[in-house]
Amino acid sequence: GPLRFTMVWNEGVSFGFLQARHDLVRWGLTLFALAVALALAAWARKADRRLLGVSLGLIIGGAVGNAIDRARFGAVADFIDVSALGFFPWVFNVADSAITIGVILMLADSFRRDDRPAG
């Protein structure tokens, strides 16, 4: 079928870019992911639209999940492989999916018209 489970340890960032086996990169990426999650959490607390809140929650959850993997193992565990479909050659994980869906929902929310008066 189109879905396979293939274990890949991603030491870089999205889709394996910036591969590095250096502790400075490992902890730098971990701290960056946690800082982004904290900044998004502050934004989510002020969000007054449900779709924006859900999208921020998905992005935060994915960032924290990948940060935990990186802190524990030095790399992110990717295992979902849909390369048999022929158009997506990368292996990814649930956290990556949450981030991607969160960004798509955030974009959808940005195109929604808000009829409420400002203030």
PDB file of N, CA and C in Angstrom:
ATOM      1  N   GLY A   1       0.808  -1.197   0.000  1.00  0.00           N
ATOM      2  CA  GLY A   1       0.000   0.000   0.000  1.00  0.00           C
ATOM      3  C   GLY A   1       0.844   1.251   0.000  1.00  0.00           C
ATOM      4  N   PRO A   2       0.210   2.377   0.031  1.00  0.00           N
ATOM      5  CA  PRO A   2       0.935   3.652  -0.040  1.00  0.00           C
ATOM      6  C   PRO A   2       1.598   4.060   1.278  1.00  0.00           C
ATOM      7  N   LEU A   3       1.237   3.423   2.379  1.00  0.00           N
ATOM      8  CA  LEU A   3       1.788   3.782   3.684  1.00  0.00           C
ATOM      9  C   LEU A   3       2.746   2.706   4.162  1.00  0.00           C
ATOM     10  N   ARG A   4       3.966   3.136   4.488  1.00  0.00           N
ATOM     11  CA  ARG A   4       4.968   2.231   5.061  1.00  0.00           C
ATOM     12  C   ARG A   4       5.543   2.894   6.299  1.00  0.00           C
ATOM     13  N   PHE A   5       6.039   2.093   7.201  1.00  0.00           N
ATOM     14  CA  PHE A   5       6.720   2.607   8.374  1.00  0.00           C
ATOM     15  C   PHE A   5       8.213   2.355   8.189  1.00  0.00           C
ATOM     16  N   THR A   6       8.965   3.437   8.086  1.00  0.00           N
ATOM     17  CA  THR A   6      10.397   3.386   7.840  1.00  0.00           C
ATOM     18  C   THR A   6      11.072   4.266   8.877  1.00  0.00           C
ATOM     19  N   MET A   7      11.905   3.688   9.716  1.00  0.00           N
ATOM     20  CA  MET A   7      12.561   4.457  10.775  1.00  0.00           C
ATOM     21  C   MET A   7      13.740   5.251  10.228  1.00  0.00           C
ATOM     22  N   VAL A   8      13.691   6.568  10.430  1.00  0.00           N
ATOM     23  CA  VAL A   8      14.759   7.465  10.010  1.00  0.00           C
ATOM     24  C   VAL A   8      15.041   8.424  11.158  1.00  0.00           C
ATOM     25  N   TRP A   9      16.303   8.590  11.530  1.00  0.00           N
ATOM     26  CA  TRP A   9      16.682   9.561  12.552  1.00  0.00           C
ATOM     27  C   TRP A   9      17.117  10.834  11.855  1.00  0.00           C
ATOM     28  N   ASN A  10      16.329  11.888  12.006  1.00  0.00           N
ATOM     29  CA  ASN A  10      16.582  13.171  11.357  1.00  0.00           C
ATOM     30  C   ASN A  10      17.358  14.067  12.317  1.00  0.00           C
ATOM     31  N   GLU A  11      18.632  14.282  12.031  1.00  0.00           N
ATOM     32  CA  GLU A  11      19.467  15.138  12.871  1.00  0.00           C
ATOM     33  C   GLU A  11      19.429  16.592  12.430  1.00  0.00           C
ATOM     34  N   GLY A  12      18.754  16.878  11.335  1.00  0.00           N
ATOM     35  CA  GLY A  12      18.663  18.243  10.834  1.00  0.00           C
ATOM     36  C   GLY A  12      17.313  18.851  11.156  1.00  0.00           C
ATOM     37  N   VAL A  13      16.910  19.804  10.352  1.00  0.00           N
ATOM     38  CA  VAL A  13      15.597  20.428  10.505  1.00  0.00           C
ATOM     39  C   VAL A  13      14.670  19.841   9.457  1.00  0.00           C
ATOM     40  N   SER A  14      13.618  20.510   9.121  1.00  0.00           N
ATOM     41  CA  SER A  14      12.579  19.993   8.233  1.00  0.00           C
ATOM     42  C   SER A  14      13.146  19.255   7.020  1.00  0.00           C
ATOM     43  N   PHE A  15      12.651  18.057   6.840  1.00  0.00           N
ATOM     44  CA  PHE A  15      12.985  17.208   5.700  1.00  0.00           C
ATOM     45  C   PHE A  15      14.489  16.961   5.584  1.00  0.00           C
ATOM     46  N   GLY A  16      15.192  16.986   6.712  1.00  0.00           N
ATOM     47  CA  GLY A  16      16.603  16.647   6.730  1.00  0.00           C
ATOM     48  C   GLY A  16      17.556  17.756   6.337  1.00  0.00           C
ATOM     49  N   PHE A  17      17.063  18.982   6.151  1.00  0.00           N
ATOM     50  CA  PHE A  17      17.974  20.084   5.840  1.00  0.00           C
ATOM     51  C   PHE A  17      18.868  20.374   7.041  1.00  0.00           C
ATOM     52  N   LEU A  18      20.053  20.894   6.785  1.00  0.00           N
ATOM     53  CA  LEU A  18      21.022  21.273   7.817  1.00  0.00           C
ATOM     54  C   LEU A  18      21.406  20.099   8.707  1.00  0.00           C
ATOM     55  N   GLN A  19      21.718  18.974   8.120  1.00  0.00           N
ATOM     56  CA  GLN A  19      22.160  17.816   8.882  1.00  0.00           C
ATOM     57  C   GLN A  19      23.457  18.142   9.605  1.00  0.00           C
ATOM     58  N   ALA A  20      23.505  17.862  10.883  1.00  0.00           N
ATOM     59  CA  ALA A  20      24.728  18.094  11.650  1.00  0.00           C
ATOM     60  C   ALA A  20      24.750  17.163  12.849  1.00  0.00           C
ATOM     61  N   ARG A  21      25.893  16.643  13.167  1.00  0.00           N
ATOM     62  CA  ARG A  21      26.049  15.735  14.305  1.00  0.00           C
ATOM     63  C   ARG A  21      26.831  16.444  15.408  1.00  0.00           C
ATOM     64  N   HIS A  22      26.455  17.634  15.688  1.00  0.00           N
ATOM     65  CA  HIS A  22      27.175  18.434  16.667  1.00  0.00           C
ATOM     66  C   HIS A  22      26.219  18.806  17.792  1.00  0.00           C
ATOM     67  N   ASP A  23      26.680  18.688  19.031  1.00  0.00           N
ATOM     68  CA  ASP A  23      25.815  18.988  20.180  1.00  0.00           C
ATOM     69  C   ASP A  23      25.309  20.421  20.170  1.00  0.00           C
ATOM     70  N   LEU A  24      26.111  21.354  19.656  1.00  0.00           N
ATOM     71  CA  LEU A  24      25.672  22.747  19.606  1.00  0.00           C
ATOM     72  C   LEU A  24      24.440  22.889  18.718  1.00  0.00           C
ATOM     73  N   VAL A  25      24.439  22.198  17.589  1.00  0.00           N
ATOM     74  CA  VAL A  25      23.286  22.229  16.694  1.00  0.00           C
ATOM     75  C   VAL A  25      22.094  21.555  17.355  1.00  0.00           C
ATOM     76  N   ARG A  26      22.339  20.411  17.977  1.00  0.00           N
ATOM     77  CA  ARG A  26      21.265  19.664  18.657  1.00  0.00           C
ATOM     78  C   ARG A  26      20.555  20.542  19.681  1.00  0.00           C
ATOM     79  N   TRP A  27      21.317  21.118  20.583  1.00  0.00           N
ATOM     80  CA  TRP A  27      20.705  21.909  21.653  1.00  0.00           C
ATOM     81  C   TRP A  27      20.209  23.259  21.150  1.00  0.00           C
ATOM     82  N   GLY A  28      20.865  23.796  20.134  1.00  0.00           N
ATOM     83  CA  GLY A  28      20.378  25.041  19.526  1.00  0.00           C
ATOM     84  C   GLY A  28      19.009  24.853  18.899  1.00  0.00           C
ATOM     85  N   LEU A  29      18.840  23.765  18.156  1.00  0.00           N
ATOM     86  CA  LEU A  29      17.539  23.481  17.544  1.00  0.00           C
ATOM     87  C   LEU A  29      16.483  23.177  18.594  1.00  0.00           C
ATOM     88  N   THR A  30      16.878  22.487  19.662  1.00  0.00           N
ATOM     89  CA  THR A  30      15.936  22.182  20.743  1.00  0.00           C
ATOM     90  C   THR A  30      15.455  23.465  21.412  1.00  0.00           C
ATOM     91  N   LEU A  31      16.400  24.327  21.761  1.00  0.00           N
ATOM     92  CA  LEU A  31      16.034  25.594  22.417  1.00  0.00           C
ATOM     93  C   LEU A  31      15.224  26.495  21.490  1.00  0.00           C
ATOM     94  N   PHE A  32      15.575  26.503  20.211  1.00  0.00           N
ATOM     95  CA  PHE A  32      14.818  27.307  19.252  1.00  0.00           C
ATOM     96  C   PHE A  32      13.370  26.825  19.171  1.00  0.00           C
ATOM     97  N   ALA A  33      13.166  25.513  19.091  1.00  0.00           N
ATOM     98  CA  ALA A  33      11.809  24.959  19.015  1.00  0.00           C
ATOM     99  C   ALA A  33      11.003  25.313  20.261  1.00  0.00           C
ATOM    100  N   LEU A  34      11.639  25.232  21.424  1.00  0.00           N
ATOM    101  CA  LEU A  34      10.932  25.566  22.668  1.00  0.00           C
ATOM    102  C   LEU A  34      10.633  27.064  22.757  1.00  0.00           C
ATOM    103  N   ALA A  35      11.549  27.901  22.276  1.00  0.00           N
ATOM    104  CA  ALA A  35      11.306  29.350  22.277  1.00  0.00           C
ATOM    105  C   ALA A  35      10.143  29.696  21.349  1.00  0.00           C
ATOM    106  N   VAL A  36      10.110  29.068  20.194  1.00  0.00           N
ATOM    107  CA  VAL A  36       8.997  29.296  19.267  1.00  0.00           C
ATOM    108  C   VAL A  36       7.688  28.837  19.902  1.00  0.00           C
ATOM    109  N   ALA A  37       7.705  27.684  20.557  1.00  0.00           N
ATOM    110  CA  ALA A  37       6.497  27.173  21.211  1.00  0.00           C
ATOM    111  C   ALA A  37       6.012  28.141  22.289  1.00  0.00           C
ATOM    112  N   LEU A  38       6.926  28.699  23.071  1.00  0.00           N
ATOM    113  CA  LEU A  38       6.532  29.669  24.102  1.00  0.00           C
ATOM    114  C   LEU A  38       5.957  30.941  23.488  1.00  0.00           C
ATOM    115  N   ALA A  39       6.575  31.433  22.427  1.00  0.00           N
ATOM    116  CA  ALA A  39       6.053  32.629  21.759  1.00  0.00           C
ATOM    117  C   ALA A  39       4.661  32.371  21.180  1.00  0.00           C
ATOM    118  N   LEU A  40       4.483  31.205  20.574  1.00  0.00           N
ATOM    119  CA  LEU A  40       3.167  30.869  20.016  1.00  0.00           C
ATOM    120  C   LEU A  40       2.131  30.666  21.118  1.00  0.00           C
ATOM    121  N   ALA A  41       2.561  30.147  22.270  1.00  0.00           N
ATOM    122  CA  ALA A  41       1.640  29.972  23.398  1.00  0.00           C
ATOM    123  C   ALA A  41       1.156  31.333  23.898  1.00  0.00           C
ATOM    124  N   ALA A  42       2.045  32.313  23.938  1.00  0.00           N
ATOM    125  CA  ALA A  42       1.643  33.663  24.341  1.00  0.00           C
ATOM    126  C   ALA A  42       0.628  34.229  23.352  1.00  0.00           C
ATOM    127  N   TRP A  43       0.841  33.971  22.068  1.00  0.00           N
ATOM    128  CA  TRP A  43      -0.091  34.427  21.036  1.00  0.00           C
ATOM    129  C   TRP A  43      -1.425  33.682  21.182  1.00  0.00           C
ATOM    130  N   ALA A  44      -1.360  32.389  21.433  1.00  0.00           N
ATOM    131  CA  ALA A  44      -2.583  31.581  21.545  1.00  0.00           C
ATOM    132  C   ALA A  44      -3.457  32.048  22.709  1.00  0.00           C
ATOM    133  N   ARG A  45      -2.827  32.489  23.784  1.00  0.00           N
ATOM    134  CA  ARG A  45      -3.605  32.981  24.930  1.00  0.00           C
ATOM    135  C   ARG A  45      -4.465  34.189  24.557  1.00  0.00           C
ATOM    136  N   LYS A  46      -4.024  34.954  23.565  1.00  0.00           N
ATOM    137  CA  LYS A  46      -4.745  36.156  23.142  1.00  0.00           C
ATOM    138  C   LYS A  46      -5.663  35.902  21.951  1.00  0.00           C
ATOM    139  N   ALA A  47      -5.579  34.712  21.383  1.00  0.00           N
ATOM    140  CA  ALA A  47      -6.375  34.405  20.185  1.00  0.00           C
ATOM    141  C   ALA A  47      -7.857  34.419  20.516  1.00  0.00           C
ATOM    142  N   ASP A  48      -8.625  35.118  19.697  1.00  0.00           N
ATOM    143  CA  ASP A  48     -10.064  35.199  19.936  1.00  0.00           C
ATOM    144  C   ASP A  48     -10.866  34.416  18.893  1.00  0.00           C
ATOM    145  N   ARG A  49     -10.169  33.693  18.020  1.00  0.00           N
ATOM    146  CA  ARG A  49     -10.835  32.862  17.022  1.00  0.00           C
ATOM    147  C   ARG A  49     -10.437  31.411  17.256  1.00  0.00           C
ATOM    148  N   ARG A  50     -11.408  30.551  17.270  1.00  0.00           N
ATOM    149  CA  ARG A  50     -11.172  29.134  17.572  1.00  0.00           C
ATOM    150  C   ARG A  50     -10.189  28.487  16.600  1.00  0.00           C
ATOM    151  N   LEU A  51     -10.348  28.756  15.307  1.00  0.00           N
ATOM    152  CA  LEU A  51      -9.481  28.133  14.312  1.00  0.00           C
ATOM    153  C   LEU A  51      -8.025  28.560  14.513  1.00  0.00           C
ATOM    154  N   LEU A  52      -7.809  29.810  14.851  1.00  0.00           N
ATOM    155  CA  LEU A  52      -6.451  30.276  15.124  1.00  0.00           C
ATOM    156  C   LEU A  52      -5.889  29.570  16.357  1.00  0.00           C
ATOM    157  N   GLY A  53      -6.688  29.435  17.390  1.00  0.00           N
ATOM    158  CA  GLY A  53      -6.236  28.741  18.596  1.00  0.00           C
ATOM    159  C   GLY A  53      -5.886  27.291  18.334  1.00  0.00           C
ATOM    160  N   VAL A  54      -6.713  26.607  17.553  1.00  0.00           N
ATOM    161  CA  VAL A  54      -6.440  25.209  17.207  1.00  0.00           C
ATOM    162  C   VAL A  54      -5.161  25.107  16.385  1.00  0.00           C
ATOM    163  N   SER A  55      -5.003  25.993  15.421  1.00  0.00           N
ATOM    164  CA  SER A  55      -3.806  25.938  14.582  1.00  0.00           C
ATOM    165  C   SER A  55      -2.544  26.192  15.395  1.00  0.00           C
ATOM    166  N   LEU A  56      -2.590  27.157  16.293  1.00  0.00           N
ATOM    167  CA  LEU A  56      -1.429  27.426  17.149  1.00  0.00           C
ATOM    168  C   LEU A  56      -1.145  26.241  18.067  1.00  0.00           C
ATOM    169  N   GLY A  57      -2.186  25.618  18.590  1.00  0.00           N
ATOM    170  CA  GLY A  57      -2.007  24.439  19.437  1.00  0.00           C
ATOM    171  C   GLY A  57      -1.344  23.292  18.700  1.00  0.00           C
ATOM    172  N   LEU A  58      -1.720  23.070  17.447  1.00  0.00           N
ATOM    173  CA  LEU A  58      -1.095  22.018  16.651  1.00  0.00           C
ATOM    174  C   LEU A  58       0.384  22.312  16.402  1.00  0.00           C
ATOM    175  N   ILE A  59       0.683  23.556  16.084  1.00  0.00           N
ATOM    176  CA  ILE A  59       2.075  23.936  15.826  1.00  0.00           C
ATOM    177  C   ILE A  59       2.902  23.804  17.105  1.00  0.00           C
ATOM    178  N   ILE A  60       2.357  24.276  18.212  1.00  0.00           N
ATOM    179  CA  ILE A  60       3.059  24.172  19.500  1.00  0.00           C
ATOM    180  C   ILE A  60       3.307  22.710  19.856  1.00  0.00           C
ATOM    181  N   GLY A  61       2.282  21.886  19.742  1.00  0.00           N
ATOM    182  CA  GLY A  61       2.427  20.470  20.062  1.00  0.00           C
ATOM    183  C   GLY A  61       3.471  19.785  19.202  1.00  0.00           C
ATOM    184  N   GLY A  62       3.478  20.094  17.913  1.00  0.00           N
ATOM    185  CA  GLY A  62       4.478  19.504  17.020  1.00  0.00           C
ATOM    186  C   GLY A  62       5.879  19.971  17.349  1.00  0.00           C
ATOM    187  N   ALA A  63       6.026  21.253  17.648  1.00  0.00           N
ATOM    188  CA  ALA A  63       7.358  21.784  17.990  1.00  0.00           C
ATOM    189  C   ALA A  63       7.874  21.164  19.278  1.00  0.00           C
ATOM    190  N   VAL A  64       7.011  21.044  20.284  1.00  0.00           N
ATOM    191  CA  VAL A  64       7.434  20.449  21.560  1.00  0.00           C
ATOM    192  C   VAL A  64       7.747  18.963  21.381  1.00  0.00           C
ATOM    193  N   GLY A  65       6.933  18.268  20.607  1.00  0.00           N
ATOM    194  CA  GLY A  65       7.187  16.847  20.357  1.00  0.00           C
ATOM    195  C   GLY A  65       8.530  16.613  19.691  1.00  0.00           C
ATOM    196  N   ASN A  66       8.837  17.398  18.677  1.00  0.00           N
ATOM    197  CA  ASN A  66      10.133  17.259  18.017  1.00  0.00           C
ATOM    198  C   ASN A  66      11.277  17.678  18.935  1.00  0.00           C
ATOM    199  N   ALA A  67      11.047  18.701  19.776  1.00  0.00           N
ATOM    200  CA  ALA A  67      12.088  19.136  20.719  1.00  0.00           C
ATOM    201  C   ALA A  67      12.387  18.038  21.740  1.00  0.00           C
ATOM    202  N   ILE A  68      11.360  17.342  22.183  1.00  0.00           N
ATOM    203  CA  ILE A  68      11.568  16.237  23.129  1.00  0.00           C
ATOM    204  C   ILE A  68      12.417  15.140  22.487  1.00  0.00           C
ATOM    205  N   ASP A  69      12.081  14.766  21.246  1.00  0.00           N
ATOM    206  CA  ASP A  69      12.888  13.769  20.539  1.00  0.00           C
ATOM    207  C   ASP A  69      14.341  14.225  20.429  1.00  0.00           C
ATOM    208  N   ARG A  70      14.524  15.479  20.040  1.00  0.00           N
ATOM    209  CA  ARG A  70      15.873  15.980  19.829  1.00  0.00           C
ATOM    210  C   ARG A  70      16.666  16.012  21.137  1.00  0.00           C
ATOM    211  N   ALA A  71      16.005  16.397  22.238  1.00  0.00           N
ATOM    212  CA  ALA A  71      16.688  16.436  23.537  1.00  0.00           C
ATOM    213  C   ALA A  71      17.022  15.022  24.023  1.00  0.00           C
ATOM    214  N   ARG A  72      16.098  14.080  23.850  1.00  0.00           N
ATOM    215  CA  ARG A  72      16.315  12.708  24.339  1.00  0.00           C
ATOM    216  C   ARG A  72      17.290  11.912  23.485  1.00  0.00           C
ATOM    217  N   PHE A  73      17.146  12.040  22.165  1.00  0.00           N
ATOM    218  CA  PHE A  73      17.873  11.147  21.270  1.00  0.00           C
ATOM    219  C   PHE A  73      18.916  11.847  20.404  1.00  0.00           C
ATOM    220  N   GLY A  74      18.917  13.170  20.402  1.00  0.00           N
ATOM    221  CA  GLY A  74      19.842  13.901  19.537  1.00  0.00           C
ATOM    222  C   GLY A  74      19.357  14.020  18.113  1.00  0.00           C
ATOM    223  N   ALA A  75      18.176  13.491  17.832  1.00  0.00           N
ATOM    224  CA  ALA A  75      17.591  13.530  16.497  1.00  0.00           C
ATOM    225  C   ALA A  75      16.082  13.306  16.633  1.00  0.00           C
ATOM    226  N   VAL A  76      15.358  13.643  15.596  1.00  0.00           N
ATOM    227  CA  VAL A  76      13.912  13.454  15.585  1.00  0.00           C
ATOM    228  C   VAL A  76      13.597  12.118  14.908  1.00  0.00           C
ATOM    229  N   ALA A  77      12.745  11.341  15.541  1.00  0.00           N
ATOM    230  CA  ALA A  77      12.358  10.034  15.002  1.00  0.00           C
ATOM    231  C   ALA A  77      11.261  10.218  13.953  1.00  0.00           C
ATOM    232  N   ASP A  78      11.611  10.011  12.694  1.00  0.00           N
ATOM    233  CA  ASP A  78      10.643  10.056  11.594  1.00  0.00           C
ATOM    234  C   ASP A  78      10.353   8.624  11.168  1.00  0.00           C
ATOM    235  N   PHE A  79       9.080   8.344  10.865  1.00  0.00           N
ATOM    236  CA  PHE A  79       8.739   6.952  10.562  1.00  0.00           C
ATOM    237  C   PHE A  79       7.584   6.785   9.581  1.00  0.00           C
ATOM    238  N   ILE A  80       6.887   7.833   9.213  1.00  0.00           N
ATOM    239  CA  ILE A  80       5.764   7.721   8.275  1.00  0.00           C
ATOM    240  C   ILE A  80       6.304   7.932   6.865  1.00  0.00           C
ATOM    241  N   ASP A  81       6.144   6.943   6.033  1.00  0.00           N
ATOM    242  CA  ASP A  81       6.716   6.937   4.690  1.00  0.00           C
ATOM    243  C   ASP A  81       5.592   6.732   3.676  1.00  0.00           C
ATOM    244  N   VAL A  82       5.321   7.759   2.897  1.00  0.00           N
ATOM    245  CA  VAL A  82       4.300   7.668   1.845  1.00  0.00           C
ATOM    246  C   VAL A  82       4.931   7.866   0.471  1.00  0.00           C
ATOM    247  N   SER A  83       6.220   7.556   0.361  1.00  0.00           N
ATOM    248  CA  SER A  83       6.922   7.752  -0.910  1.00  0.00           C
ATOM    249  C   SER A  83       6.346   6.889  -2.030  1.00  0.00           C
ATOM    250  N   ALA A  84       5.629   5.830  -1.693  1.00  0.00           N
ATOM    251  CA  ALA A  84       5.022   4.983  -2.717  1.00  0.00           C
ATOM    252  C   ALA A  84       3.955   5.730  -3.520  1.00  0.00           C
ATOM    253  N   LEU A  85       3.453   6.833  -2.973  1.00  0.00           N
ATOM    254  CA  LEU A  85       2.481   7.641  -3.717  1.00  0.00           C
ATOM    255  C   LEU A  85       3.138   8.355  -4.893  1.00  0.00           C
ATOM    256  N   GLY A  86       4.458   8.526  -4.821  1.00  0.00           N
ATOM    257  CA  GLY A  86       5.188   9.068  -5.951  1.00  0.00           C
ATOM    258  C   GLY A  86       5.416  10.561  -5.954  1.00  0.00           C
ATOM    259  N   PHE A  87       4.883  11.300  -4.989  1.00  0.00           N
ATOM    260  CA  PHE A  87       5.071  12.749  -5.025  1.00  0.00           C
ATOM    261  C   PHE A  87       5.638  13.328  -3.732  1.00  0.00           C
ATOM    262  N   PHE A  88       5.839  12.529  -2.715  1.00  0.00           N
ATOM    263  CA  PHE A  88       6.366  13.021  -1.447  1.00  0.00           C
ATOM    264  C   PHE A  88       7.436  12.045  -0.965  1.00  0.00           C
ATOM    265  N   PRO A  89       8.705  12.326  -1.266  1.00  0.00           N
ATOM    266  CA  PRO A  89       9.756  11.344  -0.991  1.00  0.00           C
ATOM    267  C   PRO A  89      10.278  11.325   0.450  1.00  0.00           C
ATOM    268  N   TRP A  90       9.852  12.238   1.298  1.00  0.00           N
ATOM    269  CA  TRP A  90      10.414  12.337   2.639  1.00  0.00           C
ATOM    270  C   TRP A  90       9.666  11.464   3.640  1.00  0.00           C
ATOM    271  N   VAL A  91      10.372  11.071   4.679  1.00  0.00           N
ATOM    272  CA  VAL A  91       9.786  10.347   5.800  1.00  0.00           C
ATOM    273  C   VAL A  91       9.545  11.387   6.892  1.00  0.00           C
ATOM    274  N   PHE A  92       8.402  11.314   7.561  1.00  0.00           N
ATOM    275  CA  PHE A  92       8.042  12.326   8.549  1.00  0.00           C
ATOM    276  C   PHE A  92       7.411  11.667   9.753  1.00  0.00           C
ATOM    277  N   ASN A  93       6.984  12.474  10.734  1.00  0.00           N
ATOM    278  CA  ASN A  93       6.366  11.927  11.944  1.00  0.00           C
ATOM    279  C   ASN A  93       5.062  12.664  12.254  1.00  0.00           C
ATOM    280  N   VAL A  94       4.414  12.268  13.324  1.00  0.00           N
ATOM    281  CA  VAL A  94       3.127  12.862  13.701  1.00  0.00           C
ATOM    282  C   VAL A  94       3.299  14.340  14.052  1.00  0.00           C
ATOM    283  N   ALA A  95       4.396  14.686  14.714  1.00  0.00           N
ATOM    284  CA  ALA A  95       4.641  16.086  15.073  1.00  0.00           C
ATOM    285  C   ALA A  95       4.776  16.948  13.822  1.00  0.00           C
ATOM    286  N   ASP A  96       5.481  16.451  12.811  1.00  0.00           N
ATOM    287  CA  ASP A  96       5.601  17.185  11.549  1.00  0.00           C
ATOM    288  C   ASP A  96       4.230  17.390  10.917  1.00  0.00           C
ATOM    289  N   SER A  97       3.394  16.362  10.988  1.00  0.00           N
ATOM    290  CA  SER A  97       2.038  16.465  10.438  1.00  0.00           C
ATOM    291  C   SER A  97       1.230  17.519  11.183  1.00  0.00           C
ATOM    292  N   ALA A  98       1.355  17.543  12.508  1.00  0.00           N
ATOM    293  CA  ALA A  98       0.630  18.535  13.310  1.00  0.00           C
ATOM    294  C   ALA A  98       1.067  19.946  12.943  1.00  0.00           C
ATOM    295  N   ILE A  99       2.370  20.148  12.771  1.00  0.00           N
ATOM    296  CA  ILE A  99       2.872  21.469  12.386  1.00  0.00           C
ATOM    297  C   ILE A  99       2.333  21.861  11.019  1.00  0.00           C
ATOM    298  N   THR A 100       2.376  20.940  10.066  1.00  0.00           N
ATOM    299  CA  THR A 100       1.901  21.232   8.712  1.00  0.00           C
ATOM    300  C   THR A 100       0.413  21.553   8.698  1.00  0.00           C
ATOM    301  N   ILE A 101      -0.388  20.744   9.374  1.00  0.00           N
ATOM    302  CA  ILE A 101      -1.833  20.993   9.435  1.00  0.00           C
ATOM    303  C   ILE A 101      -2.107  22.306  10.163  1.00  0.00           C
ATOM    304  N   GLY A 102      -1.352  22.581  11.235  1.00  0.00           N
ATOM    305  CA  GLY A 102      -1.512  23.832  11.959  1.00  0.00           C
ATOM    306  C   GLY A 102      -1.232  25.042  11.091  1.00  0.00           C
ATOM    307  N   VAL A 103      -0.176  24.989  10.295  1.00  0.00           N
ATOM    308  CA  VAL A 103       0.153  26.105   9.404  1.00  0.00           C
ATOM    309  C   VAL A 103      -0.937  26.282   8.345  1.00  0.00           C
ATOM    310  N   ILE A 104      -1.436  25.178   7.789  1.00  0.00           N
ATOM    311  CA  ILE A 104      -2.509  25.259   6.790  1.00  0.00           C
ATOM    312  C   ILE A 104      -3.758  25.885   7.408  1.00  0.00           C
ATOM    313  N   LEU A 105      -4.115  25.463   8.626  1.00  0.00           N
ATOM    314  CA  LEU A 105      -5.281  26.046   9.292  1.00  0.00           C
ATOM    315  C   LEU A 105      -5.061  27.516   9.621  1.00  0.00           C
ATOM    316  N   MET A 106      -3.832  27.878   9.996  1.00  0.00           N
ATOM    317  CA  MET A 106      -3.538  29.285  10.280  1.00  0.00           C
ATOM    318  C   MET A 106      -3.694  30.135   9.018  1.00  0.00           C
ATOM    319  N   LEU A 107      -3.230  29.608   7.898  1.00  0.00           N
ATOM    320  CA  LEU A 107      -3.414  30.322   6.637  1.00  0.00           C
ATOM    321  C   LEU A 107      -4.894  30.446   6.293  1.00  0.00           C
ATOM    322  N   ALA A 108      -5.642  29.369   6.486  1.00  0.00           N
ATOM    323  CA  ALA A 108      -7.088  29.421   6.224  1.00  0.00           C
ATOM    324  C   ALA A 108      -7.746  30.460   7.122  1.00  0.00           C
ATOM    325  N   ASP A 109      -7.346  30.505   8.381  1.00  0.00           N
ATOM    326  CA  ASP A 109      -7.901  31.486   9.303  1.00  0.00           C
ATOM    327  C   ASP A 109      -7.565  32.905   8.874  1.00  0.00           C
ATOM    328  N   SER A 110      -6.376  33.113   8.315  1.00  0.00           N
ATOM    329  CA  SER A 110      -5.982  34.464   7.908  1.00  0.00           C
ATOM    330  C   SER A 110      -6.809  34.975   6.733  1.00  0.00           C
ATOM    331  N   PHE A 111      -7.390  34.062   5.951  1.00  0.00           N
ATOM    332  CA  PHE A 111      -8.224  34.469   4.825  1.00  0.00           C
ATOM    333  C   PHE A 111      -9.695  34.661   5.196  1.00  0.00           C
ATOM    334  N   ARG A 112     -10.042  34.259   6.414  1.00  0.00           N
ATOM    335  CA  ARG A 112     -11.434  34.424   6.861  1.00  0.00           C
ATOM    336  C   ARG A 112     -11.715  35.888   7.114  1.00  0.00           C
ATOM    337  N   ARG A 113     -12.901  36.299   6.800  1.00  0.00           N
ATOM    338  CA  ARG A 113     -13.315  37.681   7.023  1.00  0.00           C
ATOM    339  C   ARG A 113     -13.905  37.794   8.425  1.00  0.00           C
ATOM    340  N   ASP A 114     -13.418  38.764   9.165  1.00  0.00           N
ATOM    341  CA  ASP A 114     -13.898  38.999  10.531  1.00  0.00           C
ATOM    342  C   ASP A 114     -14.864  40.181  10.485  1.00  0.00           C
ATOM    343  N   ASP A 115     -16.153  39.909  10.734  1.00  0.00           N
ATOM    344  CA  ASP A 115     -17.176  40.948  10.655  1.00  0.00           C
ATOM    345  C   ASP A 115     -17.329  41.740  11.945  1.00  0.00           C
ATOM    346  N   ARG A 116     -16.616  41.352  12.971  1.00  0.00           N
ATOM    347  CA  ARG A 116     -16.734  42.075  14.247  1.00  0.00           C
ATOM    348  C   ARG A 116     -16.016  43.413  14.153  1.00  0.00           C
ATOM    349  N   PRO A 117     -16.554  44.431  14.795  1.00  0.00           N
ATOM    350  CA  PRO A 117     -15.858  45.726  14.791  1.00  0.00           C
ATOM    351  C   PRO A 117     -14.563  45.632  15.604  1.00  0.00           C
ATOM    352  N   ALA A 118     -13.595  46.406  15.191  1.00  0.00           N
ATOM    353  CA  ALA A 118     -12.305  46.425  15.908  1.00  0.00           C
ATOM    354  C   ALA A 118     -12.489  47.034  17.279  1.00  0.00           C
ATOM    355  N   GLY A 119     -11.696  46.544  18.246  1.00  0.00           N
ATOM    356  CA  GLY A 119     -11.733  47.109  19.596  1.00  0.00           C
ATOM    357  C   GLY A 119     -12.706  46.385  20.396  1.00  0.00           C
TER     358      GLY A 119
END
